[in-house]
Each structure stands twice: as structure tokens, then as C-alpha cells.
Amino acid sequence: MNLMTIMLQAAPAGQGGGGSIQFLIMMVLIFVVMYFLMIRPQQKKQKELMKFRNALEKGQKIVTAGGIYGTVKEVKEQYVLMEVDNNVTIRVDKSMVMKDSSDLSSQGK
């Protein structure tokens, strides 16, 4: 059974289906509000994050999803070599790089 069949069966015979149209309009409005308040902003944020990850370059200060701060030493297609201390380099998957730590230090001032 699809949604239209359920709505037609639920409408009383004397009403003529007016209640089901109101229900349908209300459901569409709820979906539109959910889209503009939740889905669209999340898609925009994901797009900006992908753009940031693709623009990573050597010497940039970053923060990983695990909260590790470091400097980009080398950028590869799938991962980034990140220097966390003098002569301490770790390999981090690009999908785990979350933000530029230089942006964080400017927000604290």
C-alpha cells in the first residue's frame, strides 16, 4: 500500500477527501522545513570540508578528528604525513583531517 491509498481510505465518505489533502500538504511542508534546516546546511558543511581537504599543502597547521595537532609535512592522494613534534611524523588519512588549527588560534583572541 502506498501513501495515497492509505490517505484515501482514512478520509470519511462525507468529507470528500479534503482532510487527506491537508495532511499531504502538511507532510510536504514538514519535509521542506527539515530540508532547509537540517539537510542543506549539512551538505554545505561537507562540501566545504572536502574543499579544505583537497587544498591541503605543506606547512599548513591542522587538527585531526582525534584531536591531534600538527603540521602537514607531505600530502598524498589518500593520506597526509603530519609532523606532531620534532622528528615525529605520523600518517593520517585525509578523511580524518578536520580543520585548520591556525583558524582556531585566531578565534581564541
PDB file of N, CA and C in Angstrom:
ATOM      1  N   MET A   1       0.841  -1.182   0.000  1.00  0.00           N
ATOM      2  CA  MET A   1       0.000   0.000   0.000  1.00  0.00           C
ATOM      3  C   MET A   1       0.881   1.238   0.000  1.00  0.00           C
ATOM      4  N   ASN A   2       0.528   2.156  -0.832  1.00  0.00           N
ATOM      5  CA  ASN A   2       1.302   3.385  -0.855  1.00  0.00           C
ATOM      6  C   ASN A   2       0.617   4.461  -0.025  1.00  0.00           C
ATOM      7  N   LEU A   3       1.228   5.604   0.108  1.00  0.00           N
ATOM      8  CA  LEU A   3       0.746   6.684   0.961  1.00  0.00           C
ATOM      9  C   LEU A   3      -0.601   7.205   0.484  1.00  0.00           C
ATOM     10  N   MET A   4      -0.781   7.332  -0.818  1.00  0.00           N
ATOM     11  CA  MET A   4      -2.035   7.858  -1.352  1.00  0.00           C
ATOM     12  C   MET A   4      -3.194   6.927  -1.033  1.00  0.00           C
ATOM     13  N   THR A   5      -3.003   5.620  -1.124  1.00  0.00           N
ATOM     14  CA  THR A   5      -4.052   4.647  -0.814  1.00  0.00           C
ATOM     15  C   THR A   5      -4.447   4.743   0.652  1.00  0.00           C
ATOM     16  N   ILE A   6      -3.476   4.878   1.521  1.00  0.00           N
ATOM     17  CA  ILE A   6      -3.752   4.986   2.952  1.00  0.00           C
ATOM     18  C   ILE A   6      -4.544   6.251   3.243  1.00  0.00           C
ATOM     19  N   MET A   7      -4.167   7.364   2.620  1.00  0.00           N
ATOM     20  CA  MET A   7      -4.869   8.621   2.860  1.00  0.00           C
ATOM     21  C   MET A   7      -6.297   8.575   2.339  1.00  0.00           C
ATOM     22  N   LEU A   8      -6.529   7.955   1.183  1.00  0.00           N
ATOM     23  CA  LEU A   8      -7.881   7.868   0.632  1.00  0.00           C
ATOM     24  C   LEU A   8      -8.773   6.994   1.482  1.00  0.00           C
ATOM     25  N   GLN A   9      -8.245   5.917   2.057  1.00  0.00           N
ATOM     26  CA  GLN A   9      -9.031   5.037   2.906  1.00  0.00           C
ATOM     27  C   GLN A   9      -9.346   5.690   4.245  1.00  0.00           C
ATOM     28  N   ALA A  10      -8.456   6.562   4.715  1.00  0.00           N
ATOM     29  CA  ALA A  10      -8.640   7.192   6.019  1.00  0.00           C
ATOM     30  C   ALA A  10      -9.661   8.322   5.968  1.00  0.00           C
ATOM     31  N   ALA A  11      -9.927   8.920   4.802  1.00  0.00           N
ATOM     32  CA  ALA A  11     -10.859  10.034   4.693  1.00  0.00           C
ATOM     33  C   ALA A  11     -12.297   9.532   4.814  1.00  0.00           C
ATOM     34  N   PRO A  12     -13.130  10.159   5.637  1.00  0.00           N
ATOM     35  CA  PRO A  12     -14.535   9.776   5.749  1.00  0.00           C
ATOM     36  C   PRO A  12     -15.270  10.018   4.433  1.00  0.00           C
ATOM     37  N   ALA A  13     -16.311   9.244   4.158  1.00  0.00           N
ATOM     38  CA  ALA A  13     -17.042   9.323   2.892  1.00  0.00           C
ATOM     39  C   ALA A  13     -17.716  10.675   2.706  1.00  0.00           C
ATOM     40  N   GLY A  14     -18.214  11.275   3.763  1.00  0.00           N
ATOM     41  CA  GLY A  14     -18.907  12.550   3.645  1.00  0.00           C
ATOM     42  C   GLY A  14     -17.972  13.736   3.476  1.00  0.00           C
ATOM     43  N   GLN A  15     -16.705  13.581   3.797  1.00  0.00           N
ATOM     44  CA  GLN A  15     -15.771  14.701   3.761  1.00  0.00           C
ATOM     45  C   GLN A  15     -15.263  14.967   2.351  1.00  0.00           C
ATOM     46  N   GLY A  16     -15.193  13.990   1.516  1.00  0.00           N
ATOM     47  CA  GLY A  16     -14.748  14.182   0.147  1.00  0.00           C
ATOM     48  C   GLY A  16     -13.245  14.222  -0.011  1.00  0.00           C
ATOM     49  N   GLY A  17     -12.484  13.797   0.962  1.00  0.00           N
ATOM     50  CA  GLY A  17     -11.029  13.724   0.819  1.00  0.00           C
ATOM     51  C   GLY A  17     -10.312  15.016   1.139  1.00  0.00           C
ATOM     52  N   GLY A  18     -10.991  16.026   1.642  1.00  0.00           N
ATOM     53  CA  GLY A  18     -10.349  17.301   1.967  1.00  0.00           C
ATOM     54  C   GLY A  18      -9.323  17.172   3.067  1.00  0.00           C
ATOM     55  N   GLY A  19      -9.579  16.289   4.036  1.00  0.00           N
ATOM     56  CA  GLY A  19      -8.649  16.083   5.139  1.00  0.00           C
ATOM     57  C   GLY A  19      -7.353  15.453   4.683  1.00  0.00           C
ATOM     58  N   SER A  20      -7.425  14.571   3.689  1.00  0.00           N
ATOM     59  CA  SER A  20      -6.204  13.930   3.217  1.00  0.00           C
ATOM     60  C   SER A  20      -5.320  14.899   2.453  1.00  0.00           C
ATOM     61  N   ILE A  21      -5.930  15.849   1.777  1.00  0.00           N
ATOM     62  CA  ILE A  21      -5.130  16.857   1.064  1.00  0.00           C
ATOM     63  C   ILE A  21      -4.417  17.757   2.062  1.00  0.00           C
ATOM     64  N   GLN A  22      -5.105  18.115   3.141  1.00  0.00           N
ATOM     65  CA  GLN A  22      -4.467  18.926   4.176  1.00  0.00           C
ATOM     66  C   GLN A  22      -3.309  18.168   4.818  1.00  0.00           C
ATOM     67  N   PHE A  23      -3.524  16.887   5.047  1.00  0.00           N
ATOM     68  CA  PHE A  23      -2.470  16.054   5.610  1.00  0.00           C
ATOM     69  C   PHE A  23      -1.262  15.995   4.684  1.00  0.00           C
ATOM     70  N   LEU A  24      -1.518  15.823   3.408  1.00  0.00           N
ATOM     71  CA  LEU A  24      -0.440  15.750   2.423  1.00  0.00           C
ATOM     72  C   LEU A  24       0.335  17.066   2.361  1.00  0.00           C
ATOM     73  N   ILE A  25      -0.394  18.179   2.361  1.00  0.00           N
ATOM     74  CA  ILE A  25       0.265  19.498   2.339  1.00  0.00           C
ATOM     75  C   ILE A  25       1.112  19.682   3.588  1.00  0.00           C
ATOM     76  N   MET A  26       0.590  19.284   4.736  1.00  0.00           N
ATOM     77  CA  MET A  26       1.336  19.411   5.991  1.00  0.00           C
ATOM     78  C   MET A  26       2.612  18.563   5.961  1.00  0.00           C
ATOM     79  N   MET A  27       2.530  17.353   5.441  1.00  0.00           N
ATOM     80  CA  MET A  27       3.707  16.494   5.354  1.00  0.00           C
ATOM     81  C   MET A  27       4.769  17.089   4.422  1.00  0.00           C
ATOM     82  N   VAL A  28       4.332  17.644   3.309  1.00  0.00           N
ATOM     83  CA  VAL A  28       5.267  18.277   2.366  1.00  0.00           C
ATOM     84  C   VAL A  28       5.933  19.476   3.030  1.00  0.00           C
ATOM     85  N   LEU A  29       5.169  20.290   3.755  1.00  0.00           N
ATOM     86  CA  LEU A  29       5.744  21.445   4.445  1.00  0.00           C
ATOM     87  C   LEU A  29       6.753  21.015   5.507  1.00  0.00           C
ATOM     88  N   ILE A  30       6.452  19.959   6.228  1.00  0.00           N
ATOM     89  CA  ILE A  30       7.395  19.459   7.239  1.00  0.00           C
ATOM     90  C   ILE A  30       8.690  19.004   6.580  1.00  0.00           C
ATOM     91  N   PHE A  31       8.580  18.304   5.445  1.00  0.00           N
ATOM     92  CA  PHE A  31       9.778  17.856   4.738  1.00  0.00           C
ATOM     93  C   PHE A  31      10.599  19.037   4.234  1.00  0.00           C
ATOM     94  N   VAL A  32       9.930  20.068   3.702  1.00  0.00           N
ATOM     95  CA  VAL A  32      10.639  21.255   3.194  1.00  0.00           C
ATOM     96  C   VAL A  32      11.380  21.954   4.326  1.00  0.00           C
ATOM     97  N   VAL A  33      10.734  22.115   5.472  1.00  0.00           N
ATOM     98  CA  VAL A  33      11.385  22.753   6.620  1.00  0.00           C
ATOM     99  C   VAL A  33      12.577  21.923   7.084  1.00  0.00           C
ATOM    100  N   MET A  34      12.415  20.606   7.162  1.00  0.00           N
ATOM    101  CA  MET A  34      13.528  19.736   7.564  1.00  0.00           C
ATOM    102  C   MET A  34      14.696  19.855   6.590  1.00  0.00           C
ATOM    103  N   TYR A  35      14.379  19.943   5.298  1.00  0.00           N
ATOM    104  CA  TYR A  35      15.431  20.051   4.294  1.00  0.00           C
ATOM    105  C   TYR A  35      16.237  21.336   4.493  1.00  0.00           C
ATOM    106  N   PHE A  36      15.551  22.462   4.657  1.00  0.00           N
ATOM    107  CA  PHE A  36      16.255  23.737   4.764  1.00  0.00           C
ATOM    108  C   PHE A  36      16.927  23.944   6.116  1.00  0.00           C
ATOM    109  N   LEU A  37      16.442  23.295   7.167  1.00  0.00           N
ATOM    110  CA  LEU A  37      17.051  23.479   8.483  1.00  0.00           C
ATOM    111  C   LEU A  37      18.107  22.443   8.829  1.00  0.00           C
ATOM    112  N   MET A  38      18.049  21.257   8.204  1.00  0.00           N
ATOM    113  CA  MET A  38      18.978  20.198   8.591  1.00  0.00           C
ATOM    114  C   MET A  38      19.818  19.662   7.438  1.00  0.00           C
ATOM    115  N   ILE A  39      19.197  19.262   6.368  1.00  0.00           N
ATOM    116  CA  ILE A  39      19.909  18.573   5.298  1.00  0.00           C
ATOM    117  C   ILE A  39      20.798  19.522   4.506  1.00  0.00           C
ATOM    118  N   ARG A  40      20.265  20.637   4.076  1.00  0.00           N
ATOM    119  CA  ARG A  40      21.025  21.577   3.244  1.00  0.00           C
ATOM    120  C   ARG A  40      22.267  22.134   3.956  1.00  0.00           C
ATOM    121  N   PRO A  41      22.164  22.595   5.215  1.00  0.00           N
ATOM    122  CA  PRO A  41      23.374  23.071   5.897  1.00  0.00           C
ATOM    123  C   PRO A  41      24.437  21.988   6.058  1.00  0.00           C
ATOM    124  N   GLN A  42      24.015  20.744   6.302  1.00  0.00           N
ATOM    125  CA  GLN A  42      24.974  19.654   6.445  1.00  0.00           C
ATOM    126  C   GLN A  42      25.693  19.388   5.126  1.00  0.00           C
ATOM    127  N   GLN A  43      24.958  19.424   4.011  1.00  0.00           N
ATOM    128  CA  GLN A  43      25.581  19.230   2.706  1.00  0.00           C
ATOM    129  C   GLN A  43      26.587  20.338   2.413  1.00  0.00           C
ATOM    130  N   LYS A  44      26.242  21.565   2.780  1.00  0.00           N
ATOM    131  CA  LYS A  44      27.151  22.694   2.572  1.00  0.00           C
ATOM    132  C   LYS A  44      28.431  22.529   3.395  1.00  0.00           C
ATOM    133  N   LYS A  45      28.275  22.087   4.635  1.00  0.00           N
ATOM    134  CA  LYS A  45      29.429  21.869   5.512  1.00  0.00           C
ATOM    135  C   LYS A  45      30.328  20.766   4.958  1.00  0.00           C
ATOM    136  N   GLN A  46      29.738  19.678   4.468  1.00  0.00           N
ATOM    137  CA  GLN A  46      30.510  18.582   3.881  1.00  0.00           C
ATOM    138  C   GLN A  46      31.274  19.045   2.648  1.00  0.00           C
ATOM    139  N   LYS A  47      30.649  19.875   1.833  1.00  0.00           N
ATOM    140  CA  LYS A  47      31.290  20.376   0.627  1.00  0.00           C
ATOM    141  C   LYS A  47      32.506  21.247   0.976  1.00  0.00           C
ATOM    142  N   GLU A  48      32.348  22.103   1.998  1.00  0.00           N
ATOM    143  CA  GLU A  48      33.463  22.955   2.435  1.00  0.00           C
ATOM    144  C   GLU A  48      34.608  22.117   3.003  1.00  0.00           C
ATOM    145  N   LEU A  49      34.278  21.058   3.740  1.00  0.00           N
ATOM    146  CA  LEU A  49      35.297  20.183   4.315  1.00  0.00           C
ATOM    147  C   LEU A  49      36.070  19.455   3.224  1.00  0.00           C
ATOM    148  N   MET A  50      35.379  18.968   2.190  1.00  0.00           N
ATOM    149  CA  MET A  50      36.049  18.305   1.064  1.00  0.00           C
ATOM    150  C   MET A  50      36.976  19.283   0.337  1.00  0.00           C
ATOM    151  N   LYS A  51      36.515  20.515   0.167  1.00  0.00           N
ATOM    152  CA  LYS A  51      37.333  21.542  -0.490  1.00  0.00           C
ATOM    153  C   LYS A  51      38.595  21.818   0.334  1.00  0.00           C
ATOM    154  N   PHE A  52      38.445  21.892   1.666  1.00  0.00           N
ATOM    155  CA  PHE A  52      39.583  22.115   2.554  1.00  0.00           C
ATOM    156  C   PHE A  52      40.588  20.971   2.459  1.00  0.00           C
ATOM    157  N   ARG A  53      40.089  19.739   2.487  1.00  0.00           N
ATOM    158  CA  ARG A  53      40.978  18.571   2.428  1.00  0.00           C
ATOM    159  C   ARG A  53      41.726  18.493   1.102  1.00  0.00           C
ATOM    160  N   ASN A  54      41.083  18.849   0.017  1.00  0.00           N
ATOM    161  CA  ASN A  54      41.735  18.809  -1.291  1.00  0.00           C
ATOM    162  C   ASN A  54      42.754  19.928  -1.457  1.00  0.00           C
ATOM    163  N   ALA A  55      42.649  20.987  -0.655  1.00  0.00           N
ATOM    164  CA  ALA A  55      43.564  22.125  -0.764  1.00  0.00           C
ATOM    165  C   ALA A  55      44.692  22.078   0.266  1.00  0.00           C
ATOM    166  N   LEU A  56      44.857  20.962   0.967  1.00  0.00           N
ATOM    167  CA  LEU A  56      45.931  20.857   1.960  1.00  0.00           C
ATOM    168  C   LEU A  56      47.288  21.017   1.283  1.00  0.00           C
ATOM    169  N   GLU A  57      48.175  21.711   1.979  1.00  0.00           N
ATOM    170  CA  GLU A  57      49.518  21.901   1.427  1.00  0.00           C
ATOM    171  C   GLU A  57      50.560  21.842   2.536  1.00  0.00           C
ATOM    172  N   LYS A  58      51.796  21.642   2.146  1.00  0.00           N
ATOM    173  CA  LYS A  58      52.910  21.500   3.079  1.00  0.00           C
ATOM    174  C   LYS A  58      53.038  22.745   3.955  1.00  0.00           C
ATOM    175  N   GLY A  59      53.251  22.520   5.260  1.00  0.00           N
ATOM    176  CA  GLY A  59      53.452  23.614   6.200  1.00  0.00           C
ATOM    177  C   GLY A  59      52.169  24.096   6.864  1.00  0.00           C
ATOM    178  N   GLN A  60      51.031  23.613   6.426  1.00  0.00           N
ATOM    179  CA  GLN A  60      49.756  24.028   6.991  1.00  0.00           C
ATOM    180  C   GLN A  60      49.526  23.340   8.338  1.00  0.00           C
ATOM    181  N   LYS A  61      49.033  24.088   9.319  1.00  0.00           N
ATOM    182  CA  LYS A  61      48.753  23.524  10.641  1.00  0.00           C
ATOM    183  C   LYS A  61      47.322  23.006  10.635  1.00  0.00           C
ATOM    184  N   ILE A  62      47.165  21.732  11.096  1.00  0.00           N
ATOM    185  CA  ILE A  62      45.854  21.086  11.044  1.00  0.00           C
ATOM    186  C   ILE A  62      45.531  20.373  12.350  1.00  0.00           C
ATOM    187  N   VAL A  63      44.260  19.977  12.490  1.00  0.00           N
ATOM    188  CA  VAL A  63      43.787  19.179  13.618  1.00  0.00           C
ATOM    189  C   VAL A  63      43.061  17.970  13.040  1.00  0.00           C
ATOM    190  N   THR A  64      43.332  16.795  13.609  1.00  0.00           N
ATOM    191  CA  THR A  64      42.660  15.578  13.145  1.00  0.00           C
ATOM    192  C   THR A  64      41.363  15.362  13.926  1.00  0.00           C
ATOM    193  N   ALA A  65      40.586  14.371  13.493  1.00  0.00           N
ATOM    194  CA  ALA A  65      39.333  14.027  14.176  1.00  0.00           C
ATOM    195  C   ALA A  65      39.601  13.549  15.599  1.00  0.00           C
ATOM    196  N   GLY A  66      40.766  12.991  15.838  1.00  0.00           N
ATOM    197  CA  GLY A  66      41.128  12.521  17.175  1.00  0.00           C
ATOM    198  C   GLY A  66      41.696  13.605  18.069  1.00  0.00           C
ATOM    199  N   GLY A  67      41.811  14.821  17.555  1.00  0.00           N
ATOM    200  CA  GLY A  67      42.300  15.936  18.349  1.00  0.00           C
ATOM    201  C   GLY A  67      43.805  16.102  18.337  1.00  0.00           C
ATOM    202  N   ILE A  68      44.493  15.514  17.365  1.00  0.00           N
ATOM    203  CA  ILE A  68      45.946  15.637  17.271  1.00  0.00           C
ATOM    204  C   ILE A  68      46.287  16.862  16.435  1.00  0.00           C
ATOM    205  N   TYR A  69      47.095  17.753  17.012  1.00  0.00           N
ATOM    206  CA  TYR A  69      47.538  18.958  16.326  1.00  0.00           C
ATOM    207  C   TYR A  69      48.881  18.691  15.674  1.00  0.00           C
ATOM    208  N   GLY A  70      49.075  19.226  14.489  1.00  0.00           N
ATOM    209  CA  GLY A  70      50.347  19.039  13.817  1.00  0.00           C
ATOM    210  C   GLY A  70      50.455  19.900  12.573  1.00  0.00           C
ATOM    211  N   THR A  71      51.576  19.708  11.876  1.00  0.00           N
ATOM    212  CA  THR A  71      51.864  20.462  10.650  1.00  0.00           C
ATOM    213  C   THR A  71      52.008  19.478   9.505  1.00  0.00           C
ATOM    214  N   VAL A  72      51.426  19.820   8.372  1.00  0.00           N
ATOM    215  CA  VAL A  72      51.493  18.958   7.199  1.00  0.00           C
ATOM    216  C   VAL A  72      52.920  18.934   6.687  1.00  0.00           C
ATOM    217  N   LYS A  73      53.460  17.739   6.552  1.00  0.00           N
ATOM    218  CA  LYS A  73      54.811  17.574   6.040  1.00  0.00           C
ATOM    219  C   LYS A  73      54.779  17.148   4.580  1.00  0.00           C
ATOM    220  N   GLU A  74      53.792  16.312   4.217  1.00  0.00           N
ATOM    221  CA  GLU A  74      53.667  15.833   2.846  1.00  0.00           C
ATOM    222  C   GLU A  74      52.209  15.447   2.598  1.00  0.00           C
ATOM    223  N   VAL A  75      51.718  15.726   1.388  1.00  0.00           N
ATOM    224  CA  VAL A  75      50.338  15.404   1.031  1.00  0.00           C
ATOM    225  C   VAL A  75      50.340  14.371  -0.084  1.00  0.00           C
ATOM    226  N   LYS A  76      49.640  13.274   0.160  1.00  0.00           N
ATOM    227  CA  LYS A  76      49.449  12.229  -0.850  1.00  0.00           C
ATOM    228  C   LYS A  76      47.968  12.180  -1.216  1.00  0.00           C
ATOM    229  N   GLU A  77      47.625  11.282  -2.129  1.00  0.00           N
ATOM    230  CA  GLU A  77      46.234  11.208  -2.584  1.00  0.00           C
ATOM    231  C   GLU A  77      45.278  10.764  -1.477  1.00  0.00           C
ATOM    232  N   GLN A  78      45.653   9.746  -0.691  1.00  0.00           N
ATOM    233  CA  GLN A  78      44.761   9.192   0.326  1.00  0.00           C
ATOM    234  C   GLN A  78      45.121   9.605   1.759  1.00  0.00           C
ATOM    235  N   TYR A  79      46.353  10.044   1.972  1.00  0.00           N
ATOM    236  CA  TYR A  79      46.771  10.353   3.334  1.00  0.00           C
ATOM    237  C   TYR A  79      47.688  11.574   3.360  1.00  0.00           C
ATOM    238  N   VAL A  80      47.958  12.026   4.601  1.00  0.00           N
ATOM    239  CA  VAL A  80      48.819  13.174   4.847  1.00  0.00           C
ATOM    240  C   VAL A  80      49.869  12.746   5.861  1.00  0.00           C
ATOM    241  N   LEU A  81      51.118  13.103   5.617  1.00  0.00           N
ATOM    242  CA  LEU A  81      52.155  12.914   6.635  1.00  0.00           C
ATOM    243  C   LEU A  81      52.167  14.174   7.484  1.00  0.00           C
ATOM    244  N   MET A  82      51.965  13.989   8.780  1.00  0.00           N
ATOM    245  CA  MET A  82      51.814  15.115   9.688  1.00  0.00           C
ATOM    246  C   MET A  82      52.896  15.062  10.752  1.00  0.00           C
ATOM    247  N   GLU A  83      53.587  16.152  10.927  1.00  0.00           N
ATOM    248  CA  GLU A  83      54.624  16.240  11.950  1.00  0.00           C
ATOM    249  C   GLU A  83      53.985  16.776  13.228  1.00  0.00           C
ATOM    250  N   VAL A  84      54.020  15.977  14.291  1.00  0.00           N
ATOM    251  CA  VAL A  84      53.399  16.367  15.553  1.00  0.00           C
ATOM    252  C   VAL A  84      54.409  16.921  16.551  1.00  0.00           C
ATOM    253  N   ASP A  85      55.696  16.621  16.340  1.00  0.00           N
ATOM    254  CA  ASP A  85      56.768  17.123  17.191  1.00  0.00           C
ATOM    255  C   ASP A  85      58.050  17.044  16.367  1.00  0.00           C
ATOM    256  N   ASN A  86      59.145  17.501  16.916  1.00  0.00           N
ATOM    257  CA  ASN A  86      60.412  17.422  16.192  1.00  0.00           C
ATOM    258  C   ASN A  86      60.733  15.971  15.878  1.00  0.00           C
ATOM    259  N   ASN A  87      60.909  15.669  14.599  1.00  0.00           N
ATOM    260  CA  ASN A  87      61.239  14.334  14.104  1.00  0.00           C
ATOM    261  C   ASN A  87      60.199  13.257  14.465  1.00  0.00           C
ATOM    262  N   VAL A  88      58.963  13.641  14.720  1.00  0.00           N
ATOM    263  CA  VAL A  88      57.876  12.697  14.966  1.00  0.00           C
ATOM    264  C   VAL A  88      56.818  12.935  13.902  1.00  0.00           C
ATOM    265  N   THR A  89      56.727  11.978  12.971  1.00  0.00           N
ATOM    266  CA  THR A  89      55.793  12.111  11.849  1.00  0.00           C
ATOM    267  C   THR A  89      54.813  10.953  11.879  1.00  0.00           C
ATOM    268  N   ILE A  90      53.544  11.267  11.689  1.00  0.00           N
ATOM    269  CA  ILE A  90      52.534  10.219  11.624  1.00  0.00           C
ATOM    270  C   ILE A  90      51.777  10.338  10.303  1.00  0.00           C
ATOM    271  N   ARG A  91      51.232   9.204   9.877  1.00  0.00           N
ATOM    272  CA  ARG A  91      50.434   9.168   8.656  1.00  0.00           C
ATOM    273  C   ARG A  91      48.964   9.219   9.061  1.00  0.00           C
ATOM    274  N   VAL A  92      48.238  10.175   8.500  1.00  0.00           N
ATOM    275  CA  VAL A  92      46.833  10.370   8.839  1.00  0.00           C
ATOM    276  C   VAL A  92      46.015  10.328   7.552  1.00  0.00           C
ATOM    277  N   ASP A  93      44.933   9.572   7.570  1.00  0.00           N
ATOM    278  CA  ASP A  93      44.026   9.525   6.425  1.00  0.00           C
ATOM    279  C   ASP A  93      43.417  10.910   6.214  1.00  0.00           C
ATOM    280  N   LYS A  94      43.298  11.317   4.960  1.00  0.00           N
ATOM    281  CA  LYS A  94      42.770  12.648   4.656  1.00  0.00           C
ATOM    282  C   LYS A  94      41.364  12.854   5.206  1.00  0.00           C
ATOM    283  N   SER A  95      40.588  11.788   5.286  1.00  0.00           N
ATOM    284  CA  SER A  95      39.218  11.925   5.774  1.00  0.00           C
ATOM    285  C   SER A  95      39.161  12.245   7.267  1.00  0.00           C
ATOM    286  N   MET A  96      40.284  12.106   7.974  1.00  0.00           N
ATOM    287  CA  MET A  96      40.319  12.402   9.401  1.00  0.00           C
ATOM    288  C   MET A  96      40.848  13.801   9.705  1.00  0.00           C
ATOM    289  N   VAL A  97      41.276  14.538   8.685  1.00  0.00           N
ATOM    290  CA  VAL A  97      41.706  15.922   8.873  1.00  0.00           C
ATOM    291  C   VAL A  97      40.444  16.768   8.941  1.00  0.00           C
ATOM    292  N   MET A  98      40.273  17.507  10.043  1.00  0.00           N
ATOM    293  CA  MET A  98      39.017  18.214  10.265  1.00  0.00           C
ATOM    294  C   MET A  98      39.094  19.722  10.080  1.00  0.00           C
ATOM    295  N   LYS A  99      40.157  20.349  10.544  1.00  0.00           N
ATOM    296  CA  LYS A  99      40.203  21.802  10.427  1.00  0.00           C
ATOM    297  C   LYS A  99      41.619  22.336  10.476  1.00  0.00           C
ATOM    298  N   ASP A 100      41.713  23.583  10.124  1.00  0.00           N
ATOM    299  CA  ASP A 100      42.975  24.308  10.123  1.00  0.00           C
ATOM    300  C   ASP A 100      43.178  24.857  11.530  1.00  0.00           C
ATOM    301  N   SER A 101      44.255  24.468  12.204  1.00  0.00           N
ATOM    302  CA  SER A 101      44.452  24.907  13.582  1.00  0.00           C
ATOM    303  C   SER A 101      44.851  26.371  13.670  1.00  0.00           C
ATOM    304  N   SER A 102      45.298  26.984  12.597  1.00  0.00           N
ATOM    305  CA  SER A 102      45.588  28.414  12.655  1.00  0.00           C
ATOM    306  C   SER A 102      44.305  29.211  12.777  1.00  0.00           C
ATOM    307  N   ASP A 103      43.170  28.676  12.260  1.00  0.00           N
ATOM    308  CA  ASP A 103      41.867  29.330  12.436  1.00  0.00           C
ATOM    309  C   ASP A 103      41.455  29.283  13.906  1.00  0.00           C
ATOM    310  N   LEU A 104      41.788  28.203  14.594  1.00  0.00           N
ATOM    311  CA  LEU A 104      41.420  28.057  15.994  1.00  0.00           C
ATOM    312  C   LEU A 104      42.166  29.044  16.879  1.00  0.00           C
ATOM    313  N   SER A 105      43.433  29.273  16.596  1.00  0.00           N
ATOM    314  CA  SER A 105      44.211  30.182  17.427  1.00  0.00           C
ATOM    315  C   SER A 105      43.762  31.626  17.259  1.00  0.00           C
ATOM    316  N   SER A 106      43.250  31.983  16.061  1.00  0.00           N
ATOM    317  CA  SER A 106      42.773  33.348  15.852  1.00  0.00           C
ATOM    318  C   SER A 106      41.418  33.568  16.510  1.00  0.00           C
ATOM    319  N   GLN A 107      40.633  32.501  16.733  1.00  0.00           N
ATOM    320  CA  GLN A 107      39.326  32.629  17.369  1.00  0.00           C
ATOM    321  C   GLN A 107      39.467  32.851  18.863  1.00  0.00           C
ATOM    322  N   GLY A 108      40.535  32.359  19.457  1.00  0.00           N
ATOM    323  CA  GLY A 108      40.734  32.474  20.895  1.00  0.00           C
ATOM    324  C   GLY A 108      41.122  33.867  21.344  1.00  0.00           C
ATOM    325  N   LYS A 109      41.487  34.742  20.442  1.00  0.00           N
ATOM    326  CA  LYS A 109      41.925  36.104  20.813  1.00  0.00           C
ATOM    327  C   LYS A 109      40.771  37.045  20.981  1.00  0.00           C
TER     328      LYS A 109
END
